[in-house]
Amino acid sequence: MMVDMKDGRCRTCGSQLKIVDADDATMQVECSECGDFYDVETDAFGDGCMTYYPAVMARKMEDGDEE
């Protein structure tokens, strides 16, 4: 899931982030430009955990990746 650039950008180069995974406490993001990969908190994008985290977790459960 791509992060809207108004909500967050790569901390290394300022480009767009893609959320590639999530767990109970963090979301893992990867930069579309420089490839930097790091963890952020579930509320890192100022959405009160209401936009990105539920969507990523729902997709993860639908794909059968939930343990």
N, C-alpha and C. Protein backbone atom coordinates (compact mmCIF):
# COMPACT_ATOMS: atom_id res chain seq x y z
N MET A 1 0.85 -1.17 0.00
CA MET A 1 0.00 0.00 0.00
C MET A 1 0.89 1.23 0.00
N MET A 2 0.64 2.14 -0.93
CA MET A 2 1.42 3.36 -1.03
C MET A 2 0.92 4.39 -0.02
N VAL A 3 1.85 5.11 0.58
CA VAL A 3 1.53 6.16 1.54
C VAL A 3 1.39 7.47 0.77
N ASP A 4 0.31 8.17 0.99
CA ASP A 4 0.12 9.48 0.36
C ASP A 4 1.25 10.39 0.83
N MET A 5 1.86 11.09 -0.11
CA MET A 5 3.02 11.91 0.23
C MET A 5 2.69 13.07 1.17
N LYS A 6 1.43 13.43 1.27
CA LYS A 6 1.06 14.47 2.25
C LYS A 6 1.06 13.90 3.67
N ASP A 7 1.00 12.57 3.79
CA ASP A 7 0.99 11.93 5.09
C ASP A 7 2.38 11.52 5.58
N GLY A 8 3.26 11.20 4.66
CA GLY A 8 4.60 10.77 5.06
C GLY A 8 5.50 10.55 3.86
N ARG A 9 6.78 10.73 4.10
CA ARG A 9 7.79 10.57 3.06
C ARG A 9 8.99 9.82 3.63
N CYS A 10 9.82 9.32 2.77
CA CYS A 10 11.04 8.63 3.18
C CYS A 10 11.90 9.56 4.03
N ARG A 11 12.37 9.05 5.14
CA ARG A 11 13.19 9.88 6.02
C ARG A 11 14.60 10.07 5.46
N THR A 12 14.98 9.27 4.47
CA THR A 12 16.30 9.39 3.88
C THR A 12 16.32 10.36 2.71
N CYS A 13 15.37 10.20 1.76
CA CYS A 13 15.42 11.01 0.54
C CYS A 13 14.16 11.83 0.27
N GLY A 14 13.09 11.62 1.04
CA GLY A 14 11.88 12.41 0.88
C GLY A 14 10.92 11.90 -0.19
N SER A 15 11.16 10.70 -0.72
CA SER A 15 10.29 10.14 -1.76
C SER A 15 9.13 9.36 -1.15
N GLN A 16 8.31 8.79 -2.01
CA GLN A 16 7.11 8.07 -1.57
C GLN A 16 7.45 6.73 -0.92
N LEU A 17 6.67 6.40 0.10
CA LEU A 17 6.84 5.14 0.82
C LEU A 17 5.76 4.14 0.44
N LYS A 18 6.11 2.88 0.53
CA LYS A 18 5.17 1.79 0.35
C LYS A 18 5.19 0.95 1.63
N ILE A 19 4.02 0.68 2.19
CA ILE A 19 3.93 -0.19 3.36
C ILE A 19 3.97 -1.63 2.84
N VAL A 20 4.98 -2.38 3.27
CA VAL A 20 5.16 -3.73 2.75
C VAL A 20 4.74 -4.82 3.73
N ASP A 21 4.61 -4.49 5.01
CA ASP A 21 4.20 -5.47 6.01
C ASP A 21 3.81 -4.73 7.28
N ALA A 22 3.16 -5.45 8.18
CA ALA A 22 2.76 -4.86 9.47
C ALA A 22 2.60 -5.97 10.49
N ASP A 23 2.73 -5.60 11.74
CA ASP A 23 2.45 -6.52 12.83
C ASP A 23 1.69 -5.74 13.90
N ASP A 24 1.63 -6.26 15.10
CA ASP A 24 0.85 -5.61 16.16
C ASP A 24 1.37 -4.24 16.56
N ALA A 25 2.65 -3.98 16.37
CA ALA A 25 3.24 -2.74 16.87
C ALA A 25 3.84 -1.84 15.80
N THR A 26 4.16 -2.39 14.64
CA THR A 26 4.85 -1.59 13.63
C THR A 26 4.35 -1.88 12.22
N MET A 27 4.71 -0.97 11.33
CA MET A 27 4.53 -1.20 9.90
C MET A 27 5.91 -1.07 9.27
N GLN A 28 6.19 -1.92 8.32
CA GLN A 28 7.47 -1.87 7.63
C GLN A 28 7.25 -1.14 6.30
N VAL A 29 8.07 -0.13 6.06
CA VAL A 29 7.94 0.67 4.86
C VAL A 29 9.21 0.57 4.02
N GLU A 30 9.03 0.76 2.71
CA GLU A 30 10.15 0.77 1.79
C GLU A 30 10.00 1.98 0.88
N CYS A 31 11.10 2.67 0.65
CA CYS A 31 11.09 3.84 -0.21
C CYS A 31 11.05 3.42 -1.67
N SER A 32 10.20 4.06 -2.45
CA SER A 32 10.08 3.74 -3.87
C SER A 32 11.27 4.25 -4.67
N GLU A 33 12.04 5.16 -4.12
CA GLU A 33 13.16 5.75 -4.86
C GLU A 33 14.51 5.18 -4.42
N CYS A 34 14.86 5.31 -3.14
CA CYS A 34 16.20 4.91 -2.68
C CYS A 34 16.23 3.49 -2.14
N GLY A 35 15.05 2.88 -1.90
CA GLY A 35 15.01 1.51 -1.42
C GLY A 35 15.22 1.35 0.08
N ASP A 36 15.35 2.46 0.79
CA ASP A 36 15.51 2.37 2.25
C ASP A 36 14.33 1.61 2.83
N PHE A 37 14.58 0.79 3.83
CA PHE A 37 13.57 -0.09 4.42
C PHE A 37 13.68 0.05 5.93
N TYR A 38 12.55 0.40 6.58
CA TYR A 38 12.59 0.57 8.03
C TYR A 38 11.19 0.42 8.62
N ASP A 39 11.14 0.29 9.94
CA ASP A 39 9.90 0.16 10.68
C ASP A 39 9.43 1.53 11.15
N VAL A 40 8.10 1.71 11.14
CA VAL A 40 7.49 2.90 11.72
C VAL A 40 6.36 2.45 12.65
N GLU A 41 5.97 3.32 13.56
CA GLU A 41 4.85 3.00 14.43
C GLU A 41 3.56 2.98 13.62
N THR A 42 2.54 2.32 14.13
CA THR A 42 1.28 2.19 13.41
C THR A 42 0.58 3.51 13.18
N ASP A 43 0.90 4.52 13.99
CA ASP A 43 0.29 5.85 13.82
C ASP A 43 1.28 6.87 13.25
N ALA A 44 2.27 6.41 12.54
CA ALA A 44 3.34 7.28 12.04
C ALA A 44 2.88 8.31 11.03
N PHE A 45 1.74 8.10 10.39
CA PHE A 45 1.33 8.98 9.31
C PHE A 45 0.21 9.94 9.71
N GLY A 46 0.02 10.12 11.02
CA GLY A 46 -0.92 11.11 11.51
C GLY A 46 -2.38 10.82 11.22
N ASP A 47 -2.71 9.56 11.00
CA ASP A 47 -4.09 9.20 10.67
C ASP A 47 -4.82 8.56 11.84
N GLY A 48 -4.19 8.57 13.02
CA GLY A 48 -4.80 7.96 14.19
C GLY A 48 -5.01 6.47 14.03
N CYS A 49 -4.17 5.83 13.24
CA CYS A 49 -4.25 4.38 12.97
C CYS A 49 -5.56 3.99 12.27
N MET A 50 -6.16 4.91 11.54
CA MET A 50 -7.47 4.62 10.95
C MET A 50 -7.43 4.40 9.43
N THR A 51 -6.36 4.76 8.77
CA THR A 51 -6.31 4.63 7.31
C THR A 51 -5.40 3.50 6.88
N TYR A 52 -4.14 3.61 7.18
CA TYR A 52 -3.15 2.67 6.65
C TYR A 52 -3.11 1.34 7.40
N TYR A 53 -2.99 1.40 8.71
CA TYR A 53 -2.83 0.17 9.49
C TYR A 53 -3.98 -0.82 9.31
N PRO A 54 -5.25 -0.42 9.44
CA PRO A 54 -6.34 -1.39 9.24
C PRO A 54 -6.34 -1.98 7.83
N ALA A 55 -6.06 -1.16 6.83
CA ALA A 55 -6.06 -1.65 5.45
C ALA A 55 -4.95 -2.67 5.23
N VAL A 56 -3.77 -2.40 5.75
CA VAL A 56 -2.65 -3.33 5.60
C VAL A 56 -2.92 -4.63 6.35
N MET A 57 -3.44 -4.53 7.56
CA MET A 57 -3.73 -5.74 8.33
C MET A 57 -4.85 -6.55 7.69
N ALA A 58 -5.87 -5.89 7.15
CA ALA A 58 -6.96 -6.61 6.48
C ALA A 58 -6.43 -7.34 5.26
N ARG A 59 -5.60 -6.68 4.47
CA ARG A 59 -5.01 -7.32 3.29
C ARG A 59 -4.15 -8.51 3.70
N LYS A 60 -3.42 -8.35 4.78
CA LYS A 60 -2.57 -9.43 5.28
C LYS A 60 -3.40 -10.64 5.68
N MET A 61 -4.51 -10.40 6.35
CA MET A 61 -5.39 -11.49 6.76
C MET A 61 -6.06 -12.16 5.55
N GLU A 62 -6.46 -11.36 4.56
CA GLU A 62 -7.07 -11.91 3.35
C GLU A 62 -6.08 -12.78 2.58
N ASP A 63 -4.82 -12.40 2.60
CA ASP A 63 -3.78 -13.16 1.89
C ASP A 63 -3.35 -14.40 2.67
N GLY A 64 -3.84 -14.53 3.91
CA GLY A 64 -3.48 -15.69 4.73
C GLY A 64 -2.13 -15.58 5.38
N ASP A 65 -1.61 -14.36 5.51
CA ASP A 65 -0.29 -14.17 6.11
C ASP A 65 -0.34 -14.00 7.61
N GLU A 66 -1.51 -13.91 8.18
CA GLU A 66 -1.65 -13.71 9.62
C GLU A 66 -1.36 -15.02 10.34
N GLU A 67 -0.52 -14.94 11.36
CA GLU A 67 -0.14 -16.15 12.10
C GLU A 67 -1.15 -16.45 13.18
